[in-house]
């Protein structure tokens, strides 16, 4: 099948390599044609050979070209709005963080949080991301840029501590109401 198709294409290309003739008509216009005119003196035009390019086989990428492909598309990618020296106070474990990103997020790219090294929440194109019901204690948080399902860049991880106040603690309970006076009998 492939040979038949190749022969057909070569047959169609033959007229493209036909002879070209040049002559001047009765009105003085220069005419180029592939048919020699009858009763006219025509000059045969020799065309230069066409340019051809040999197709080379693709080579395996070198480590340098792989590194160039993996360069970060974003000059700045970092989380903000997290305390660095003190605990993050979130009684219900819900808080939000911002992503500082330059240049702006490209079309088709999305942001996803990594909480303690694991993907957290759905990818989003909004640079303000919310975390819900996070346990108290120390955590690490990073953000990654996704293109489809592939991670193309990741920020440095930020370590922080979530402080949640236990409202069931006896120290936080309101004082009991004073006892009612006993009725006099």
Protein backbone atom coordinates (compact mmCIF):
# COMPACT_ATOMS: atom_id res chain seq x y z
CA UNK A 1 0.00 0.00 0.00
CA UNK A 2 2.80 2.37 0.93
CA UNK A 3 4.62 1.75 -2.38
CA UNK A 4 1.48 2.44 -4.39
CA UNK A 5 0.95 5.70 -2.54
CA UNK A 6 4.59 6.72 -3.11
CA UNK A 7 4.34 5.98 -6.85
CA UNK A 8 1.10 7.95 -7.09
CA UNK A 9 2.65 10.97 -5.38
CA UNK A 10 5.71 10.83 -7.67
CA UNK A 11 3.45 10.68 -10.70
CA UNK A 12 1.58 13.76 -9.50
CA UNK A 13 4.88 15.60 -8.94
CA UNK A 14 6.14 15.03 -12.53
CA UNK A 15 4.21 17.94 -14.09
CA UNK A 16 5.79 20.25 -11.50
CA UNK A 17 9.19 19.53 -13.03
CA UNK A 18 7.99 20.19 -16.64
CA UNK A 19 9.71 22.68 -18.96
CA UNK A 20 8.84 26.40 -18.67
CA UNK A 21 8.65 28.69 -21.70
CA UNK A 22 8.81 32.50 -21.87
CA UNK A 23 7.57 34.71 -24.72
CA UNK A 24 6.17 38.18 -25.38
CA UNK A 25 2.57 38.39 -26.59
CA UNK A 26 1.10 40.85 -29.14
CA UNK A 27 0.39 43.42 -26.38
CA UNK A 28 4.00 43.37 -25.17
CA UNK A 29 3.32 41.38 -22.00
CA UNK A 30 5.79 38.74 -20.87
CA UNK A 31 4.09 35.35 -20.58
CA UNK A 32 5.38 32.24 -18.82
CA UNK A 33 3.80 28.90 -19.72
CA UNK A 34 4.41 25.17 -19.64
CA UNK A 35 3.14 24.79 -23.25
CA UNK A 36 5.23 26.17 -26.14
CA UNK A 37 3.12 28.72 -28.06
CA UNK A 38 2.27 28.05 -31.72
CA UNK A 39 3.66 30.57 -34.20
CA UNK A 40 5.63 32.45 -31.50
CA UNK A 41 9.33 32.45 -30.75
CA UNK A 42 9.60 31.13 -27.17
CA UNK A 43 12.63 30.97 -24.98
CA UNK A 44 13.13 27.86 -22.85
CA UNK A 45 13.75 28.75 -19.19
CA UNK A 46 16.16 26.60 -17.21
CA UNK A 47 15.13 26.55 -13.58
CA UNK A 48 17.69 26.08 -10.84
CA UNK A 49 17.44 22.87 -8.90
CA UNK A 50 15.06 22.98 -6.01
CA UNK A 51 16.29 23.07 -2.47
CA UNK A 52 16.13 19.80 -0.63
CA UNK A 53 16.68 19.03 2.99
CA UNK A 54 17.70 15.62 4.18
CA UNK A 55 15.62 14.48 7.12
CA UNK A 56 17.87 13.42 9.96
CA UNK A 57 16.80 10.91 12.54
CA UNK A 58 15.90 12.51 15.86
CA UNK A 59 18.64 12.10 18.41
CA UNK A 60 18.15 11.24 22.04
CA UNK A 61 18.13 14.37 24.18
CA UNK A 62 21.32 15.06 26.04
CA UNK A 63 21.35 15.81 29.72
CA UNK A 64 21.98 19.50 28.93
CA UNK A 65 18.87 19.73 26.73
CA UNK A 66 16.78 17.94 29.39
CA UNK A 67 17.95 20.47 31.97
CA UNK A 68 17.04 23.33 29.62
CA UNK A 69 13.55 21.85 29.17
CA UNK A 70 13.13 21.57 32.93
CA UNK A 71 14.00 25.17 33.72
CA UNK A 72 11.38 26.73 35.89
CA UNK A 73 8.76 28.70 33.97
CA UNK A 74 8.15 30.91 37.04
CA UNK A 75 10.89 33.10 38.48
CA UNK A 76 9.05 33.43 41.80
CA UNK A 77 6.98 30.66 43.36
CA UNK A 78 6.50 30.83 47.12
CA UNK A 79 3.86 30.63 49.83
CA UNK A 80 3.01 33.71 51.87
CA UNK A 81 0.76 34.51 54.84
CA UNK A 82 2.29 31.81 57.04
CA UNK A 83 3.89 32.81 60.35
CA UNK A 84 7.60 32.08 60.51
CA UNK A 85 8.43 32.48 64.22
CA UNK A 86 5.16 31.81 65.99
CA UNK A 87 2.34 29.30 65.82
CA UNK A 88 -0.55 29.74 63.44
CA UNK A 89 -3.67 30.12 65.54
CA UNK A 90 -6.62 28.42 63.92
CA UNK A 91 -9.11 27.06 66.45
CA UNK A 92 -11.02 25.05 63.86
CA UNK A 93 -7.91 24.27 61.80
CA UNK A 94 -9.07 26.35 58.84
CA UNK A 95 -6.86 29.02 57.29
CA UNK A 96 -5.76 30.23 53.88
CA UNK A 97 -2.39 30.95 52.28
CA UNK A 98 -1.38 33.05 49.31
CA UNK A 99 0.93 32.08 46.47
CA UNK A 100 3.42 34.68 45.25
CA UNK A 101 3.92 33.83 41.57
CA UNK A 102 5.77 35.73 38.84
CA UNK A 103 4.98 35.88 35.99
CA UNK A 104 1.24 35.30 36.26
CA UNK A 105 -0.09 31.77 36.08
CA UNK A 106 -0.11 30.63 32.45
CA UNK A 107 -3.20 29.27 30.75
CA UNK A 108 -3.47 25.55 31.36
CA UNK A 109 -1.39 25.70 34.56
CA UNK A 110 -2.92 25.10 37.99
CA UNK A 111 -1.73 25.35 41.59
CA UNK A 112 -1.95 22.54 44.14
CA UNK A 113 -0.85 22.48 47.78
CA UNK A 114 1.39 19.78 49.21
CA UNK A 115 0.70 19.31 52.93
CA UNK A 116 3.37 17.22 54.62
CA UNK A 117 4.57 16.12 51.16
CA UNK A 118 1.14 14.86 50.02
CA UNK A 119 -1.22 16.56 47.53
CA UNK A 120 -3.90 18.53 49.37
CA UNK A 121 -7.17 19.69 47.81
CA UNK A 122 -8.11 20.24 44.20
CA UNK A 123 -5.81 22.08 41.77
CA UNK A 124 -6.86 25.68 41.26
CA UNK A 125 -5.91 28.67 39.12
CA UNK A 126 -6.49 31.08 42.05
CA UNK A 127 -3.39 32.20 44.01
CA UNK A 128 -5.23 32.08 47.36
CA UNK A 129 -5.73 28.54 48.67
CA UNK A 130 -7.64 27.36 51.74
CA UNK A 131 -6.84 24.52 54.14
CA UNK A 132 -9.60 23.04 56.29
CA UNK A 133 -9.57 21.14 59.59
CA UNK A 134 -5.79 20.80 59.81
CA UNK A 135 -4.63 18.99 62.94
CA UNK A 136 -2.63 20.84 65.56
CA UNK A 137 1.11 20.41 65.48
CA UNK A 138 3.99 20.94 63.08
CA UNK A 139 3.40 20.67 59.33
CA UNK A 140 5.21 21.42 56.10
CA UNK A 141 3.47 23.12 53.20
CA UNK A 142 4.56 23.70 49.60
CA UNK A 143 2.79 24.58 46.36
CA UNK A 144 3.33 23.01 42.97
CA UNK A 145 2.43 24.16 39.46
CA UNK A 146 0.67 21.54 37.37
CA UNK A 147 0.37 21.33 33.60
CA UNK A 148 -2.38 18.79 33.15
CA UNK A 149 -1.49 16.11 35.69
CA UNK A 150 2.28 16.72 35.49
CA UNK A 151 4.11 18.76 38.11
CA UNK A 152 6.36 21.28 36.36
CA UNK A 153 7.59 23.34 39.31
CA UNK A 154 7.49 23.17 43.11
CA UNK A 155 8.13 25.81 45.77
CA UNK A 156 10.32 25.35 48.78
CA UNK A 157 8.51 23.74 51.72
CA UNK A 158 7.60 26.01 54.64
CA UNK A 159 7.41 24.49 58.12
CA UNK A 160 4.84 25.93 60.53
CA UNK A 161 2.91 24.96 63.63
CA UNK A 162 -0.88 24.97 63.93
CA UNK A 163 -2.21 25.89 67.35
CA UNK A 164 -5.79 24.89 68.04
CA UNK A 165 -7.32 25.79 71.37
CA UNK A 166 -9.28 22.98 72.96
CA UNK A 167 -12.53 24.57 74.06
CA UNK A 168 -13.28 21.50 76.17
CA UNK A 169 -10.37 22.34 78.45
CA UNK A 170 -11.43 23.05 82.09
CA UNK A 171 -9.23 26.14 82.06
CA UNK A 172 -11.33 27.63 79.26
CA UNK A 173 -14.74 26.75 80.63
CA UNK A 174 -16.69 29.64 82.09
CA UNK A 175 -16.88 29.62 85.87
CA UNK A 176 -19.88 27.82 87.26
CA UNK A 177 -22.77 30.05 88.26
CA UNK A 178 -22.86 31.01 91.95
CA UNK A 179 -25.04 28.79 94.08
CA UNK A 180 -28.59 29.95 94.65
CA UNK A 181 -29.32 31.08 98.19
CA UNK A 182 -31.33 28.64 100.24
CA UNK A 183 -34.83 29.81 101.00
CA UNK A 184 -35.42 30.85 104.60
CA UNK A 185 -37.75 28.56 106.48
